[in-house]
Amino acid sequence: MSAATRHGGPDFGADAALAELADEARLVGRAAAAECDLQEDSWLIGTSREFSLELAARGWLGMTWPVEEGGGGRSPLERFVVFEALISEGAPVATSWFADRQIGPTLLQYGTPGQRRRWLPDIVAGTSGWCIGMSEPDAGSDVASLRTRAERHGDTWVVHGQKVWTSGAASADWCYLIARTDPDAPPHAGLSEFVVDMRSPGIEVRPIVDATGNAHFCEVHLDGVEVPADCLVGTENGSFKQVMRQMEHERGGIDRLVSNRRLYLDVLPAADTTDLRVRQRIAALEGFYRVGRLMVLREVVGQAPPGWSAITKTACTEFEQRVADFCGSVLGAEALLANRVSRNLCYAPAYTIMGGTTQILRDIIGNRMLGLPRA
């Protein structure tokens, strides 16, 4: 028992088993990151089939899923400390990240027993990669504006449309796709969700090279793609409710806080801590890192109110941008050269765009959580 607990204060320390698990994950993540060119944004660009197999071998995929569904039956805190350590170190978890973070939980909640038997084992085994077909050229944060359509023909759905900013599509085996299945329904009411085999005829993937030279974002064109009827997940025309639940998994996780944590720790020794202004910036960053971590943990342990993930994502991704700015200021003119810091400075604006723009999320917070009138 800590001194704070003995005197009636809270004890935020992890128990010995969690601390040991975090240390193990940190060592594993550090070793894997040492083999990578970049440690930043590893949950998004760190693609490695080999590392996915190692995660599976250690029981670190599907950790919290029910044992009867092939999962580990472990606590959310155990999964939290593992992935906090892995992503903070820059381990290449991207191949399994989307499936573990949100596809598996979505299938557990809305999928049929047959769908769960079909797709969950490969996710847990680290042998399948997934992407999410949500955003479109004219429908980024506004899911209700999606135009990709799926039409029923007997036992098959035929899909036409285009997705964009589809992370990992070039290497994915499956796409969790959202399409309009009732064009006459109100915008929020005519969407459905499908699991689409990325090897299907009619799918064309075009990687998009961003300002950093990376090509994890992709365009996905679907021209008459046939999807078996048993690949529809959940309720036909009921996707909007389902995707809002899925977005809570996507927006409120530790990945939104520690994308560039490794860069910060590597740059920190070069900071001039004799300068009081620099020390103030470090104190502010360290202080918010702890606040942001508690915000994520509130979601992890099930104590967050509805919509909390919008607050977490907004605050934590804006923090990640401040981390990038700090690292650039420490290097000064050297940040103009091609290095990890310059790369992160170029990439940082994306933090508050992907997964829902800050502007949209602030609107959600104001309208849905605070009850403020619409402008």
Protein backbone atom coordinates (compact mmCIF):
# COMPACT_ATOMS: atom_id res chain seq x y z
CA MET A 1 0.00 0.00 0.00
CA SER A 2 1.37 3.39 -0.99
CA ALA A 3 1.77 6.32 1.41
CA ALA A 4 -0.99 8.17 -0.46
CA THR A 5 -3.42 5.31 0.12
CA ARG A 6 -2.54 5.04 3.79
CA HIS A 7 -3.43 8.70 4.21
CA GLY A 8 -6.74 8.40 2.38
CA GLY A 9 -5.62 9.59 -1.07
CA PRO A 10 -6.08 7.70 -4.35
CA ASP A 11 -3.51 5.19 -5.57
CA PHE A 12 -3.19 5.23 -9.36
CA GLY A 13 -0.38 2.70 -9.48
CA ALA A 14 -0.83 -0.60 -11.31
CA ASP A 15 -0.73 -3.80 -9.31
CA ALA A 16 2.34 -6.00 -9.57
CA ALA A 17 0.89 -8.34 -12.22
CA LEU A 18 -0.14 -5.45 -14.48
CA ALA A 19 3.22 -3.76 -14.02
CA GLU A 20 5.01 -6.98 -14.92
CA LEU A 21 2.85 -7.40 -18.02
CA ALA A 22 3.54 -3.81 -19.07
CA ASP A 23 7.28 -4.34 -18.64
CA GLU A 24 7.14 -7.46 -20.79
CA ALA A 25 5.19 -5.65 -23.52
CA ARG A 26 7.61 -2.74 -23.38
CA LEU A 27 10.59 -5.02 -23.98
CA VAL A 28 8.81 -6.86 -26.79
CA GLY A 29 7.73 -3.58 -28.37
CA ARG A 30 11.20 -2.04 -28.11
CA ALA A 31 12.82 -5.05 -29.78
CA ALA A 32 10.28 -5.00 -32.63
CA ALA A 33 10.54 -1.22 -33.07
CA ALA A 34 14.33 -1.46 -33.40
CA GLU A 35 13.76 -3.32 -36.68
CA CYS A 36 11.54 -0.54 -38.09
CA ASP A 37 12.51 2.65 -39.89
CA LEU A 38 9.93 4.65 -37.94
CA GLN A 39 8.50 4.30 -34.44
CA GLU A 40 5.84 6.99 -34.76
CA ASP A 41 2.23 6.15 -35.69
CA SER A 42 3.05 2.46 -35.57
CA TRP A 43 -0.58 1.48 -34.99
CA LEU A 44 -1.37 2.98 -38.40
CA ILE A 45 1.70 2.51 -40.61
CA GLY A 46 3.64 -0.24 -38.83
CA THR A 47 2.58 -3.19 -40.97
CA SER A 48 4.15 -6.53 -40.07
CA ARG A 49 2.60 -9.95 -40.58
CA GLU A 50 5.45 -11.47 -38.58
CA PHE A 51 4.80 -9.30 -35.55
CA SER A 52 1.09 -10.11 -35.71
CA LEU A 53 2.01 -13.75 -35.35
CA GLU A 54 4.15 -12.92 -32.33
CA LEU A 55 1.28 -11.00 -30.74
CA ALA A 56 -0.93 -14.03 -31.30
CA ALA A 57 1.64 -16.40 -29.84
CA ARG A 58 1.76 -14.28 -26.68
CA GLY A 59 -2.02 -14.22 -26.39
CA TRP A 60 -2.15 -10.47 -27.03
CA LEU A 61 -4.85 -10.49 -29.71
CA GLY A 62 -8.47 -10.75 -28.66
CA MET A 63 -7.28 -10.49 -25.07
CA THR A 64 -10.61 -9.38 -23.62
CA TRP A 65 -12.88 -11.46 -25.84
CA PRO A 66 -14.81 -14.33 -24.27
CA VAL A 67 -12.94 -17.62 -24.03
CA GLU A 68 -15.85 -19.43 -25.67
CA GLU A 69 -15.37 -17.16 -28.71
CA GLY A 70 -11.66 -17.97 -28.89
CA GLY A 71 -10.53 -14.92 -26.94
CA GLY A 72 -8.30 -14.64 -23.91
CA GLY A 73 -10.97 -13.75 -21.35
CA ARG A 74 -8.60 -11.23 -19.79
CA SER A 75 -9.37 -7.85 -18.25
CA PRO A 76 -9.55 -4.57 -20.22
CA LEU A 77 -6.72 -3.23 -18.05
CA GLU A 78 -4.44 -6.03 -19.19
CA ARG A 79 -5.09 -5.18 -22.83
CA PHE A 80 -4.60 -1.50 -22.05
CA VAL A 81 -1.13 -1.89 -20.52
CA VAL A 82 0.00 -4.19 -23.32
CA PHE A 83 -0.95 -1.88 -26.17
CA GLU A 84 0.05 1.28 -24.34
CA ALA A 85 3.54 -0.20 -24.04
CA LEU A 86 3.67 -1.55 -27.61
CA ILE A 87 2.48 1.64 -29.30
CA SER A 88 4.52 3.91 -27.04
CA GLU A 89 7.63 1.98 -28.09
CA GLY A 90 6.69 2.08 -31.77
CA ALA A 91 6.03 -1.63 -32.31
CA PRO A 92 4.50 -2.42 -35.75
CA VAL A 93 0.99 -3.43 -34.66
CA ALA A 94 -0.94 -2.01 -37.64
CA THR A 95 -1.67 -5.33 -39.37
CA SER A 96 -3.75 -6.53 -36.42
CA TRP A 97 -4.76 -3.24 -34.83
CA PHE A 98 -8.05 -2.47 -36.58
CA ALA A 99 -9.29 -6.03 -36.24
CA ASP A 100 -8.37 -6.25 -32.57
CA ARG A 101 -9.52 -2.74 -31.66
CA GLN A 102 -12.93 -2.64 -33.34
CA ILE A 103 -13.75 -5.35 -35.88
CA GLY A 104 -13.67 -8.17 -33.35
CA PRO A 105 -15.76 -6.29 -30.75
CA THR A 106 -18.24 -5.33 -33.48
CA LEU A 107 -18.61 -8.95 -34.61
CA LEU A 108 -19.01 -10.05 -31.01
CA GLN A 109 -21.81 -7.55 -30.52
CA TYR A 110 -23.62 -7.70 -33.87
CA GLY A 111 -22.33 -10.72 -35.79
CA THR A 112 -24.07 -14.06 -36.09
CA PRO A 113 -22.54 -17.16 -34.48
CA GLY A 114 -21.49 -18.31 -37.95
CA GLN A 115 -19.77 -15.00 -38.69
CA ARG A 116 -17.92 -15.10 -35.41
CA ARG A 117 -16.75 -18.67 -36.06
CA ARG A 118 -15.62 -17.64 -39.53
CA TRP A 119 -13.61 -14.50 -38.81
CA LEU A 120 -12.63 -14.29 -35.15
CA PRO A 121 -10.19 -17.25 -35.09
CA ASP A 122 -7.99 -15.75 -37.80
CA ILE A 123 -7.95 -12.39 -36.02
CA VAL A 124 -6.87 -14.04 -32.77
CA ALA A 125 -4.27 -16.08 -34.68
CA GLY A 126 -2.82 -12.94 -36.26
CA THR A 127 -3.26 -14.32 -39.76
CA SER A 128 -5.80 -11.85 -41.19
CA GLY A 129 -5.49 -8.14 -41.86
CA TRP A 130 -8.49 -5.83 -41.99
CA CYS A 131 -9.32 -2.36 -43.26
CA ILE A 132 -12.42 -0.22 -42.71
CA GLY A 133 -14.39 1.08 -45.69
CA MET A 134 -16.08 4.09 -44.21
CA SER A 135 -14.91 7.50 -45.48
CA GLU A 136 -15.66 8.62 -49.03
CA PRO A 137 -14.51 11.58 -51.16
CA ASP A 138 -17.62 13.58 -50.21
CA ALA A 139 -18.31 11.94 -46.86
CA GLY A 140 -15.50 12.05 -44.37
CA SER A 141 -16.72 12.66 -40.84
CA ASP A 142 -20.39 12.67 -41.93
CA VAL A 143 -21.21 8.95 -42.15
CA ALA A 144 -24.82 9.66 -43.10
CA SER A 145 -23.67 11.14 -46.43
CA LEU A 146 -22.19 7.87 -47.74
CA ARG A 147 -23.03 7.12 -51.38
CA THR A 148 -21.46 3.70 -51.95
CA ARG A 149 -24.47 1.49 -52.63
CA ALA A 150 -25.23 -2.18 -52.23
CA GLU A 151 -28.12 -3.73 -54.14
CA ARG A 152 -29.62 -7.13 -53.29
CA HIS A 153 -29.75 -9.72 -56.08
CA GLY A 154 -30.95 -13.01 -54.64
CA ASP A 155 -28.32 -14.35 -52.27
CA THR A 156 -25.80 -11.69 -53.25
CA TRP A 157 -25.29 -8.00 -52.65
CA VAL A 158 -23.66 -6.08 -55.51
CA VAL A 159 -21.60 -3.09 -54.41
CA HIS A 160 -20.68 0.00 -56.41
CA GLY A 161 -18.82 3.02 -55.07
CA GLN A 162 -15.60 4.47 -53.78
CA LYS A 163 -13.90 4.69 -50.41
CA VAL A 164 -10.97 6.89 -49.48
CA TRP A 165 -8.48 7.23 -46.60
CA THR A 166 -8.86 3.46 -46.15
CA SER A 167 -5.83 2.70 -43.99
CA GLY A 168 -4.05 -0.55 -44.81
CA ALA A 169 -6.32 -1.47 -47.73
CA ALA A 170 -3.37 -2.40 -49.95
CA SER A 171 -2.38 -5.27 -47.65
CA ALA A 172 -5.74 -6.17 -46.07
CA ASP A 173 -7.51 -9.49 -46.50
CA TRP A 174 -10.93 -8.17 -45.51
CA CYS A 175 -12.76 -4.85 -45.55
CA TYR A 176 -15.47 -3.93 -43.07
CA LEU A 177 -17.61 -1.91 -45.48
CA ILE A 178 -20.48 0.48 -44.91
CA ALA A 179 -22.84 0.97 -47.86
CA ARG A 180 -26.23 2.44 -48.61
CA THR A 181 -28.81 -0.31 -48.99
CA ASP A 182 -31.99 1.80 -49.04
CA PRO A 183 -31.62 4.92 -51.20
CA ASP A 184 -35.13 6.09 -50.32
CA ALA A 185 -34.63 6.04 -46.53
CA PRO A 186 -33.52 9.08 -44.54
CA PRO A 187 -29.70 9.47 -44.67
CA HIS A 188 -29.10 7.90 -41.25
CA ALA A 189 -31.53 5.05 -41.81
CA GLY A 190 -30.50 3.39 -45.06
CA LEU A 191 -26.99 2.06 -44.32
CA SER A 192 -25.78 -1.50 -43.79
CA GLU A 193 -22.46 -3.15 -42.94
CA PHE A 194 -20.70 -5.94 -44.80
CA VAL A 195 -17.52 -7.96 -44.59
CA VAL A 196 -15.95 -7.89 -48.06
CA ASP A 197 -13.17 -10.15 -49.31
CA MET A 198 -10.48 -7.81 -50.67
CA ARG A 199 -9.61 -10.41 -53.33
CA SER A 200 -13.08 -10.08 -54.88
CA PRO A 201 -13.30 -9.19 -58.58
CA GLY A 202 -14.18 -5.54 -59.10
CA ILE A 203 -12.03 -4.16 -56.26
CA GLU A 204 -9.22 -1.80 -57.16
CA VAL A 205 -6.95 -0.36 -54.46
CA ARG A 206 -4.95 2.79 -55.19
CA PRO A 207 -2.45 3.78 -52.45
CA ILE A 208 -2.27 7.52 -51.72
CA VAL A 209 1.21 8.86 -51.04
CA ASP A 210 1.03 11.49 -48.29
CA ALA A 211 3.36 14.40 -47.53
CA THR A 212 5.70 12.12 -45.58
CA GLY A 213 6.09 9.65 -48.45
CA ASN A 214 3.99 6.98 -46.76
CA ALA A 215 1.18 5.19 -48.61
CA HIS A 216 -0.92 3.58 -45.89
CA PHE A 217 -3.98 5.61 -46.88
CA CYS A 218 -5.74 4.21 -49.94
CA GLU A 219 -8.57 4.75 -52.36
CA VAL A 220 -10.76 1.68 -52.83
CA HIS A 221 -12.94 1.47 -55.94
CA LEU A 222 -15.77 -1.08 -55.99
CA ASP A 223 -17.26 -1.85 -59.38
CA GLY A 224 -19.94 -4.53 -59.24
CA VAL A 225 -18.35 -6.34 -56.31
CA GLU A 226 -20.40 -9.36 -55.31
CA VAL A 227 -20.80 -9.93 -51.56
CA PRO A 228 -22.61 -13.05 -50.24
CA ALA A 229 -25.76 -12.25 -48.29
CA ASP A 230 -24.39 -13.96 -45.18
CA CYS A 231 -21.64 -11.30 -45.03
CA LEU A 232 -24.12 -8.62 -43.91
CA VAL A 233 -23.35 -7.83 -40.26
CA GLY A 234 -26.14 -6.89 -37.89
CA THR A 235 -29.40 -5.33 -39.04
CA GLU A 236 -30.05 -4.38 -42.65
CA ASN A 237 -30.37 -0.59 -42.81
CA GLY A 238 -29.31 -0.42 -39.16
CA SER A 239 -25.67 0.47 -39.63
CA PHE A 240 -25.73 3.98 -38.22
CA LYS A 241 -26.34 2.82 -34.66
CA GLN A 242 -23.77 0.07 -35.09
CA VAL A 243 -21.10 2.34 -36.52
CA MET A 244 -21.55 4.86 -33.72
CA ARG A 245 -20.73 2.07 -31.27
CA GLN A 246 -17.77 1.08 -33.43
CA MET A 247 -16.49 4.66 -33.43
CA GLU A 248 -16.33 4.58 -29.64
CA HIS A 249 -13.78 1.77 -29.97
CA GLU A 250 -11.90 3.75 -32.63
CA ARG A 251 -11.78 7.18 -31.01
CA GLY A 252 -11.28 6.53 -27.33
CA GLY A 253 -8.21 4.29 -27.25
CA ILE A 254 -4.63 4.74 -26.11
CA ASP A 255 -3.46 4.99 -29.74
CA ARG A 256 -4.88 8.53 -29.81
CA LEU A 257 -2.48 9.62 -27.05
CA VAL A 258 0.86 7.91 -27.66
CA SER A 259 1.31 7.93 -31.46
CA ASN A 260 4.51 9.97 -31.12
CA ARG A 261 5.42 9.21 -27.51
CA ARG A 262 8.63 7.43 -28.53
CA LEU A 263 9.78 10.46 -30.52
CA TYR A 264 9.15 12.75 -27.56
CA LEU A 265 11.18 10.53 -25.22
CA ASP A 266 14.03 10.31 -27.73
CA VAL A 267 14.14 14.08 -28.28
CA LEU A 268 13.68 15.08 -24.64
CA PRO A 269 17.36 14.68 -23.59
CA ALA A 270 18.30 17.36 -26.15
CA ALA A 271 15.90 19.94 -24.64
CA ASP A 272 17.49 22.92 -22.89
CA THR A 273 15.98 22.45 -19.44
CA THR A 274 17.93 25.47 -18.11
CA ASP A 275 15.38 27.57 -20.02
CA LEU A 276 12.30 28.07 -17.81
CA ARG A 277 10.04 28.31 -20.86
CA VAL A 278 11.20 24.92 -22.09
CA ARG A 279 10.65 23.47 -18.64
CA GLN A 280 7.12 24.86 -18.62
CA ARG A 281 6.38 23.22 -21.96
CA ILE A 282 7.73 19.90 -20.72
CA ALA A 283 5.65 20.17 -17.55
CA ALA A 284 2.54 20.92 -19.60
CA LEU A 285 3.14 17.95 -21.90
CA GLU A 286 3.90 15.57 -19.05
CA GLY A 287 0.88 16.83 -17.14
CA PHE A 288 -1.52 16.32 -20.02
CA TYR A 289 -0.07 12.92 -20.85
CA ARG A 290 -1.19 11.80 -17.40
CA VAL A 291 -4.58 13.47 -17.75
CA GLY A 292 -5.09 11.96 -21.20
CA ARG A 293 -4.14 8.54 -19.90
CA LEU A 294 -6.81 8.81 -17.21
CA MET A 295 -9.34 9.88 -19.85
CA VAL A 296 -8.59 6.74 -21.84
CA LEU A 297 -8.69 4.58 -18.71
CA ARG A 298 -12.13 5.90 -17.85
CA GLU A 299 -13.34 4.40 -21.13
CA VAL A 300 -11.35 1.20 -20.57
CA VAL A 301 -12.91 0.45 -17.18
CA GLY A 302 -16.44 1.31 -18.34
CA GLN A 303 -16.91 4.48 -16.31
CA ALA A 304 -17.25 6.92 -19.22
CA PRO A 305 -20.57 8.55 -20.12
CA PRO A 306 -21.98 8.16 -23.66
CA GLY A 307 -19.96 10.15 -26.18
CA TRP A 308 -16.86 10.29 -23.99
CA SER A 309 -14.68 8.99 -26.82
CA ALA A 310 -15.30 12.23 -28.75
CA ILE A 311 -13.80 14.18 -25.85
CA THR A 312 -10.87 11.79 -25.51
CA LYS A 313 -10.07 11.80 -29.21
CA THR A 314 -10.28 15.59 -29.49
CA ALA A 315 -8.11 16.32 -26.46
CA CYS A 316 -5.53 13.60 -27.06
CA THR A 317 -4.95 14.19 -30.76
CA GLU A 318 -4.53 17.94 -30.18
CA PHE A 319 -1.99 16.95 -27.53
CA GLU A 320 -0.12 14.81 -30.06
CA GLN A 321 0.17 17.87 -32.29
CA ARG A 322 1.69 19.81 -29.39
CA VAL A 323 4.18 16.98 -28.90
CA ALA A 324 5.23 17.26 -32.56
CA ASP A 325 5.62 21.04 -32.22
CA PHE A 326 7.75 20.62 -29.10
CA CYS A 327 10.04 18.10 -30.79
CA GLY A 328 10.47 20.47 -33.73
CA SER A 329 11.36 23.37 -31.45
CA VAL A 330 13.98 21.28 -29.63
CA LEU A 331 15.76 20.39 -32.86
CA GLY A 332 15.45 23.88 -34.30
CA ALA A 333 16.98 24.17 -37.76
CA GLU A 334 17.76 20.46 -37.78
CA ALA A 335 14.01 19.84 -37.99
CA LEU A 336 14.19 21.20 -41.55
CA LEU A 337 16.21 18.15 -42.58
CA ALA A 338 14.68 14.81 -43.48
CA ASN A 339 14.45 12.99 -40.15
CA ARG A 340 11.91 11.55 -37.72
CA VAL A 341 11.03 14.96 -36.30
CA SER A 342 10.45 16.60 -39.68
CA ARG A 343 8.38 13.60 -40.73
CA ASN A 344 6.22 13.88 -37.61
CA LEU A 345 5.77 17.61 -38.09
CA CYS A 346 4.46 16.95 -41.59
CA TYR A 347 2.19 14.17 -40.40
CA ALA A 348 0.83 15.79 -37.22
CA PRO A 349 -2.04 17.74 -38.89
CA ALA A 350 -3.62 14.38 -39.70
CA TYR A 351 -4.11 13.54 -36.01
CA THR A 352 -7.12 15.85 -35.69
CA ILE A 353 -8.58 14.85 -39.09
CA MET A 354 -8.55 11.05 -39.24
CA GLY A 355 -11.19 9.25 -37.23
CA GLY A 356 -13.43 12.30 -37.28
CA THR A 357 -12.28 15.90 -37.52
CA THR A 358 -11.90 17.98 -34.38
CA GLN A 359 -14.54 20.40 -35.69
CA ILE A 360 -17.13 17.62 -36.06
CA LEU A 361 -16.24 16.12 -32.69
CA ARG A 362 -16.53 19.47 -30.91
CA ASP A 363 -19.97 19.82 -32.49
CA ILE A 364 -20.90 16.37 -31.14
CA ILE A 365 -19.63 17.32 -27.68
CA GLY A 366 -21.56 20.58 -27.69
CA ASN A 367 -24.84 19.27 -29.08
CA ARG A 368 -25.13 15.74 -27.75
CA MET A 369 -23.26 15.92 -24.47
CA LEU A 370 -23.66 19.50 -23.29
CA GLY A 371 -27.05 20.14 -24.86
CA LEU A 372 -25.96 23.40 -26.47
CA PRO A 373 -28.14 24.83 -29.23
CA ARG A 374 -27.03 24.37 -32.82
CA ALA A 375 -25.58 27.44 -34.44
